[in-house]
PDB file of all heavy atoms in Angstrom:
ATOM      1  N   PRO A   1       7.159  27.408 -11.116  1.00  0.00           N
ATOM      2  CA  PRO A   1       7.056  27.084  -9.732  1.00  0.00           C
ATOM      3  C   PRO A   1       7.807  25.809  -9.271  1.00  0.00           C
ATOM      4  O   PRO A   1       8.288  25.862  -8.120  1.00  0.00           O
ATOM      5  CB  PRO A   1       5.540  26.784  -9.678  1.00  0.00           C
ATOM      6  CG  PRO A   1       4.932  27.528 -10.731  1.00  0.00           C
ATOM      7  CD  PRO A   1       5.890  27.605 -11.786  1.00  0.00           C
ATOM      8  N   ARG A   2       8.018  24.886 -10.108  1.00  0.00           N
ATOM      9  CA  ARG A   2       8.787  23.722  -9.782  1.00  0.00           C
ATOM     10  C   ARG A   2      10.295  24.110  -9.548  1.00  0.00           C
ATOM     11  O   ARG A   2      10.872  23.593  -8.659  1.00  0.00           O
ATOM     12  CB  ARG A   2       8.713  22.661 -10.856  1.00  0.00           C
ATOM     13  CG  ARG A   2       9.379  21.426 -10.484  1.00  0.00           C
ATOM     14  CD  ARG A   2       9.080  20.315 -11.535  1.00  0.00           C
ATOM     15  NE  ARG A   2       9.697  19.092 -11.111  1.00  0.00           N
ATOM     16  CZ  ARG A   2       9.230  17.880 -11.548  1.00  0.00           C
ATOM     17  NH1 ARG A   2       8.312  17.889 -12.395  1.00  0.00           N
ATOM     18  NH2 ARG A   2       9.839  16.838 -11.060  1.00  0.00           N
ATOM     19  N   ALA A   3      10.814  25.054 -10.272  1.00  0.00           N
ATOM     20  CA  ALA A   3      12.172  25.521 -10.122  1.00  0.00           C
ATOM     21  C   ALA A   3      12.304  26.318  -8.812  1.00  0.00           C
ATOM     22  O   ALA A   3      13.376  26.153  -8.089  1.00  0.00           O
ATOM     23  CB  ALA A   3      12.513  26.409 -11.284  1.00  0.00           C
ATOM     24  N   CYS A   4      11.215  27.096  -8.394  1.00  0.00           N
ATOM     25  CA  CYS A   4      11.233  27.785  -7.171  1.00  0.00           C
ATOM     26  C   CYS A   4      11.267  26.779  -6.030  1.00  0.00           C
ATOM     27  O   CYS A   4      12.122  27.022  -5.063  1.00  0.00           O
ATOM     28  CB  CYS A   4      10.053  28.646  -7.044  1.00  0.00           C
ATOM     29  SG  CYS A   4      10.005  30.008  -8.187  1.00  0.00           S
ATOM     30  N   THR A   5      10.555  25.743  -6.058  1.00  0.00           N
ATOM     31  CA  THR A   5      10.423  24.722  -5.096  1.00  0.00           C
ATOM     32  C   THR A   5      11.856  24.041  -4.999  1.00  0.00           C
ATOM     33  O   THR A   5      12.394  23.751  -3.884  1.00  0.00           O
ATOM     34  CB  THR A   5       9.340  23.694  -5.327  1.00  0.00           C
ATOM     35  OG1 THR A   5       8.149  24.455  -5.427  1.00  0.00           O
ATOM     36  CG2 THR A   5       9.305  22.708  -4.271  1.00  0.00           C
ATOM     37  N   SER A   6      12.464  23.767  -6.111  1.00  0.00           N
ATOM     38  CA  SER A   6      13.796  23.129  -6.086  1.00  0.00           C
ATOM     39  C   SER A   6      14.842  24.055  -5.559  1.00  0.00           C
ATOM     40  O   SER A   6      15.647  23.559  -4.771  1.00  0.00           O
ATOM     41  CB  SER A   6      14.115  22.837  -7.571  1.00  0.00           C
ATOM     42  OG  SER A   6      13.248  21.858  -8.088  1.00  0.00           O
ATOM     43  N   LEU A   7      14.830  25.282  -5.790  1.00  0.00           N
ATOM     44  CA  LEU A   7      15.732  26.242  -5.237  1.00  0.00           C
ATOM     45  C   LEU A   7      15.581  26.382  -3.734  1.00  0.00           C
ATOM     46  O   LEU A   7      16.493  26.390  -2.994  1.00  0.00           O
ATOM     47  CB  LEU A   7      15.546  27.621  -5.863  1.00  0.00           C
ATOM     48  CG  LEU A   7      16.326  27.831  -7.145  1.00  0.00           C
ATOM     49  CD1 LEU A   7      15.822  29.185  -7.757  1.00  0.00           C
ATOM     50  CD2 LEU A   7      17.779  27.855  -7.045  1.00  0.00           C
ATOM     51  N   ARG A   8      14.301  26.398  -3.302  1.00  0.00           N
ATOM     52  CA  ARG A   8      14.064  26.501  -1.813  1.00  0.00           C
ATOM     53  C   ARG A   8      14.524  25.280  -1.156  1.00  0.00           C
ATOM     54  O   ARG A   8      15.168  25.399  -0.107  1.00  0.00           O
ATOM     55  CB  ARG A   8      12.597  26.796  -1.669  1.00  0.00           C
ATOM     56  CG  ARG A   8      12.263  27.161  -0.248  1.00  0.00           C
ATOM     57  CD  ARG A   8      10.758  27.598  -0.152  1.00  0.00           C
ATOM     58  NE  ARG A   8      10.558  28.850  -0.901  1.00  0.00           N
ATOM     59  CZ  ARG A   8       9.718  28.895  -1.944  1.00  0.00           C
ATOM     60  NH1 ARG A   8       9.093  27.884  -2.327  1.00  0.00           N
ATOM     61  NH2 ARG A   8       9.569  30.054  -2.546  1.00  0.00           N
ATOM     62  N   LEU A   9      14.191  24.080  -1.677  1.00  0.00           N
ATOM     63  CA  LEU A   9      14.686  22.859  -1.081  1.00  0.00           C
ATOM     64  C   LEU A   9      16.201  22.751  -1.092  1.00  0.00           C
ATOM     65  O   LEU A   9      16.759  22.283  -0.051  1.00  0.00           O
ATOM     66  CB  LEU A   9      14.006  21.667  -1.820  1.00  0.00           C
ATOM     67  CG  LEU A   9      14.345  20.228  -1.297  1.00  0.00           C
ATOM     68  CD1 LEU A   9      13.800  20.147   0.087  1.00  0.00           C
ATOM     69  CD2 LEU A   9      13.694  19.249  -2.144  1.00  0.00           C
ATOM     70  N   SER A  10      16.815  22.993  -2.177  1.00  0.00           N
ATOM     71  CA  SER A  10      18.294  22.921  -2.231  1.00  0.00           C
ATOM     72  C   SER A  10      18.915  23.916  -1.298  1.00  0.00           C
ATOM     73  O   SER A  10      19.880  23.672  -0.628  1.00  0.00           O
ATOM     74  CB  SER A  10      18.777  23.077  -3.632  1.00  0.00           C
ATOM     75  OG  SER A  10      18.437  24.296  -4.129  1.00  0.00           O
ATOM     76  N   GLY A  11      18.316  25.122  -1.129  1.00  0.00           N
ATOM     77  CA  GLY A  11      18.844  26.111  -0.156  1.00  0.00           C
ATOM     78  C   GLY A  11      18.845  25.601   1.265  1.00  0.00           C
ATOM     79  O   GLY A  11      19.831  25.641   1.981  1.00  0.00           O
ATOM     80  N   PHE A  12      17.717  24.968   1.609  1.00  0.00           N
ATOM     81  CA  PHE A  12      17.537  24.421   3.023  1.00  0.00           C
ATOM     82  C   PHE A  12      18.488  23.191   3.145  1.00  0.00           C
ATOM     83  O   PHE A  12      19.079  23.014   4.262  1.00  0.00           O
ATOM     84  CB  PHE A  12      16.167  24.089   3.364  1.00  0.00           C
ATOM     85  CG  PHE A  12      15.393  25.284   3.658  1.00  0.00           C
ATOM     86  CD1 PHE A  12      14.192  25.606   2.914  1.00  0.00           C
ATOM     87  CD2 PHE A  12      15.671  26.119   4.748  1.00  0.00           C
ATOM     88  CE1 PHE A  12      13.457  26.725   3.237  1.00  0.00           C
ATOM     89  CE2 PHE A  12      14.857  27.209   5.082  1.00  0.00           C
ATOM     90  CZ  PHE A  12      13.778  27.511   4.358  1.00  0.00           C
ATOM     91  N   LEU A  13      18.595  22.384   2.173  1.00  0.00           N
ATOM     92  CA  LEU A  13      19.465  21.263   2.255  1.00  0.00           C
ATOM     93  C   LEU A  13      20.998  21.629   2.332  1.00  0.00           C
ATOM     94  O   LEU A  13      21.768  21.085   3.062  1.00  0.00           O
ATOM     95  CB  LEU A  13      19.269  20.278   0.991  1.00  0.00           C
ATOM     96  CG  LEU A  13      17.979  19.547   1.022  1.00  0.00           C
ATOM     97  CD1 LEU A  13      17.916  18.841  -0.242  1.00  0.00           C
ATOM     98  CD2 LEU A  13      17.970  18.582   2.287  1.00  0.00           C
ATOM     99  N   LEU A  14      21.303  22.727   1.683  1.00  0.00           N
ATOM    100  CA  LEU A  14      22.730  23.218   1.789  1.00  0.00           C
ATOM    101  C   LEU A  14      23.004  23.749   3.198  1.00  0.00           C
ATOM    102  O   LEU A  14      24.092  23.532   3.767  1.00  0.00           O
ATOM    103  CB  LEU A  14      23.009  24.264   0.728  1.00  0.00           C
ATOM    104  CG  LEU A  14      23.296  23.740  -0.666  1.00  0.00           C
ATOM    105  CD1 LEU A  14      23.231  24.902  -1.662  1.00  0.00           C
ATOM    106  CD2 LEU A  14      24.640  23.142  -0.709  1.00  0.00           C
ATOM    107  N   LEU A  15      22.095  24.458   3.745  1.00  0.00           N
ATOM    108  CA  LEU A  15      22.261  24.995   5.112  1.00  0.00           C
ATOM    109  C   LEU A  15      22.280  23.862   6.136  1.00  0.00           C
ATOM    110  O   LEU A  15      23.110  23.892   7.005  1.00  0.00           O
ATOM    111  CB  LEU A  15      21.119  25.927   5.414  1.00  0.00           C
ATOM    112  CG  LEU A  15      21.044  27.220   4.687  1.00  0.00           C
ATOM    113  CD1 LEU A  15      19.876  28.070   5.010  1.00  0.00           C
ATOM    114  CD2 LEU A  15      22.354  28.029   4.807  1.00  0.00           C
ATOM    115  N   THR A  16      21.428  22.852   5.898  1.00  0.00           N
ATOM    116  CA  THR A  16      21.447  21.684   6.769  1.00  0.00           C
ATOM    117  C   THR A  16      22.835  20.853   6.598  1.00  0.00           C
ATOM    118  O   THR A  16      23.325  20.410   7.604  1.00  0.00           O
ATOM    119  CB  THR A  16      20.265  20.757   6.575  1.00  0.00           C
ATOM    120  OG1 THR A  16      19.096  21.558   6.569  1.00  0.00           O
ATOM    121  CG2 THR A  16      20.257  19.606   7.481  1.00  0.00           C
ATOM    122  N   SER A  17      23.246  20.732   5.478  1.00  0.00           N
ATOM    123  CA  SER A  17      24.496  19.953   5.256  1.00  0.00           C
ATOM    124  C   SER A  17      25.657  20.756   5.780  1.00  0.00           C
ATOM    125  O   SER A  17      26.536  20.107   6.353  1.00  0.00           O
ATOM    126  CB  SER A  17      24.691  19.661   3.752  1.00  0.00           C
ATOM    127  OG  SER A  17      24.965  20.840   3.049  1.00  0.00           O
ATOM    128  N   ALA A  18      25.659  22.081   5.752  1.00  0.00           N
ATOM    129  CA  ALA A  18      26.728  22.821   6.438  1.00  0.00           C
ATOM    130  C   ALA A  18      26.722  22.566   7.911  1.00  0.00           C
ATOM    131  O   ALA A  18      27.826  22.392   8.539  1.00  0.00           O
ATOM    132  CB  ALA A  18      26.527  24.324   6.134  1.00  0.00           C
ATOM    133  N   PHE A  19      25.520  22.465   8.539  1.00  0.00           N
ATOM    134  CA  PHE A  19      25.457  22.242   9.974  1.00  0.00           C
ATOM    135  C   PHE A  19      25.901  20.820  10.316  1.00  0.00           C
ATOM    136  O   PHE A  19      26.669  20.634  11.232  1.00  0.00           O
ATOM    137  CB  PHE A  19      23.985  22.322  10.450  1.00  0.00           C
ATOM    138  CG  PHE A  19      23.787  21.984  11.932  1.00  0.00           C
ATOM    139  CD1 PHE A  19      24.287  22.844  12.808  1.00  0.00           C
ATOM    140  CD2 PHE A  19      23.158  20.799  12.274  1.00  0.00           C
ATOM    141  CE1 PHE A  19      24.138  22.584  14.196  1.00  0.00           C
ATOM    142  CE2 PHE A  19      22.956  20.529  13.606  1.00  0.00           C
ATOM    143  CZ  PHE A  19      23.463  21.433  14.563  1.00  0.00           C
ATOM    144  N   VAL A  20      25.575  19.832   9.423  1.00  0.00           N
ATOM    145  CA  VAL A  20      26.039  18.436   9.707  1.00  0.00           C
ATOM    146  C   VAL A  20      27.586  18.375   9.533  1.00  0.00           C
ATOM    147  O   VAL A  20      28.214  17.755  10.336  1.00  0.00           O
ATOM    148  CB  VAL A  20      25.328  17.479   8.721  1.00  0.00           C
ATOM    149  CG1 VAL A  20      25.919  16.119   8.765  1.00  0.00           C
ATOM    150  CG2 VAL A  20      23.833  17.415   9.065  1.00  0.00           C
ATOM    151  N   VAL A  21      28.080  19.024   8.582  1.00  0.00           N
ATOM    152  CA  VAL A  21      29.532  19.031   8.305  1.00  0.00           C
ATOM    153  C   VAL A  21      30.213  19.649   9.586  1.00  0.00           C
ATOM    154  O   VAL A  21      31.263  19.137  10.044  1.00  0.00           O
ATOM    155  CB  VAL A  21      29.970  19.790   7.053  1.00  0.00           C
ATOM    156  CG1 VAL A  21      31.440  20.130   7.001  1.00  0.00           C
ATOM    157  CG2 VAL A  21      29.592  18.941   5.818  1.00  0.00           C
ATOM    158  N   ALA A  22      29.701  20.784  10.030  1.00  0.00           N
ATOM    159  CA  ALA A  22      30.328  21.457  11.169  1.00  0.00           C
ATOM    160  C   ALA A  22      30.210  20.504  12.414  1.00  0.00           C
ATOM    161  O   ALA A  22      31.157  20.408  13.212  1.00  0.00           O
ATOM    162  CB  ALA A  22      29.648  22.807  11.444  1.00  0.00           C
ATOM    163  N   GLY A  23      29.017  19.959  12.636  1.00  0.00           N
ATOM    164  CA  GLY A  23      28.858  19.099  13.803  1.00  0.00           C
ATOM    165  C   GLY A  23      29.744  17.871  13.813  1.00  0.00           C
ATOM    166  O   GLY A  23      30.411  17.539  14.859  1.00  0.00           O
ATOM    167  N   ARG A  24      29.793  17.288  12.656  1.00  0.00           N
ATOM    168  CA  ARG A  24      30.640  15.998  12.621  1.00  0.00           C
ATOM    169  C   ARG A  24      32.095  16.246  12.675  1.00  0.00           C
ATOM    170  O   ARG A  24      32.899  15.439  13.162  1.00  0.00           O
ATOM    171  CB  ARG A  24      30.254  15.171  11.346  1.00  0.00           C
ATOM    172  CG  ARG A  24      28.792  14.742  11.436  1.00  0.00           C
ATOM    173  CD  ARG A  24      28.486  13.734  10.396  1.00  0.00           C
ATOM    174  NE  ARG A  24      28.306  12.466  11.155  1.00  0.00           N
ATOM    175  CZ  ARG A  24      28.264  11.303  10.505  1.00  0.00           C
ATOM    176  NH1 ARG A  24      28.376  11.134   9.179  1.00  0.00           N
ATOM    177  NH2 ARG A  24      28.113  10.236  11.174  1.00  0.00           N
ATOM    178  N   SER A  25      32.572  17.301  12.099  1.00  0.00           N
ATOM    179  CA  SER A  25      34.029  17.525  12.006  1.00  0.00           C
ATOM    180  C   SER A  25      34.555  18.244  13.264  1.00  0.00           C
ATOM    181  O   SER A  25      35.702  18.016  13.648  1.00  0.00           O
ATOM    182  CB  SER A  25      34.383  18.273  10.772  1.00  0.00           C
ATOM    183  OG  SER A  25      33.770  19.527  10.665  1.00  0.00           O
ATOM    184  N   LEU A  26      33.772  19.114  13.877  1.00  0.00           N
ATOM    185  CA  LEU A  26      34.248  20.005  14.940  1.00  0.00           C
ATOM    186  C   LEU A  26      33.634  19.613  16.280  1.00  0.00           C
ATOM    187  O   LEU A  26      33.951  20.239  17.280  1.00  0.00           O
ATOM    188  CB  LEU A  26      33.957  21.492  14.576  1.00  0.00           C
ATOM    189  CG  LEU A  26      34.613  21.978  13.297  1.00  0.00           C
ATOM    190  CD1 LEU A  26      34.050  23.448  13.068  1.00  0.00           C
ATOM    191  CD2 LEU A  26      36.159  21.972  13.429  1.00  0.00           C
ATOM    192  N   GLY A  27      32.737  18.670  16.337  1.00  0.00           N
ATOM    193  CA  GLY A  27      31.932  18.365  17.484  1.00  0.00           C
ATOM    194  C   GLY A  27      30.654  19.207  17.451  1.00  0.00           C
ATOM    195  O   GLY A  27      30.598  20.286  16.970  1.00  0.00           O
ATOM    196  N   TRP A  28      29.623  18.678  17.984  1.00  0.00           N
ATOM    197  CA  TRP A  28      28.318  19.203  17.910  1.00  0.00           C
ATOM    198  C   TRP A  28      28.150  20.612  18.639  1.00  0.00           C
ATOM    199  O   TRP A  28      27.511  21.505  18.207  1.00  0.00           O
ATOM    200  CB  TRP A  28      27.193  18.316  18.301  1.00  0.00           C
ATOM    201  CG  TRP A  28      27.138  17.148  17.332  1.00  0.00           C
ATOM    202  CD1 TRP A  28      27.551  15.889  17.540  1.00  0.00           C
ATOM    203  CD2 TRP A  28      26.610  17.191  16.019  1.00  0.00           C
ATOM    204  NE1 TRP A  28      27.354  15.144  16.377  1.00  0.00           N
ATOM    205  CE2 TRP A  28      26.766  15.979  15.391  1.00  0.00           C
ATOM    206  CE3 TRP A  28      25.956  18.225  15.277  1.00  0.00           C
ATOM    207  CZ2 TRP A  28      26.298  15.605  14.101  1.00  0.00           C
ATOM    208  CZ3 TRP A  28      25.612  17.842  13.903  1.00  0.00           C
ATOM    209  CH2 TRP A  28      25.770  16.614  13.382  1.00  0.00           C
ATOM    210  N   GLY A  29      28.864  20.677  19.676  1.00  0.00           N
ATOM    211  CA  GLY A  29      28.729  21.977  20.532  1.00  0.00           C
ATOM    212  C   GLY A  29      29.499  23.027  19.841  1.00  0.00           C
ATOM    213  O   GLY A  29      28.985  24.171  19.541  1.00  0.00           O
TER     214      GLY A  29
END
């Protein structure tokens, strides 16, 4: 269960980091 939680958290963090990279490099819109 701890590995499942880690995978879920890292998946959401990767999606969030992709959004931040896109927003900061290309403009938020």
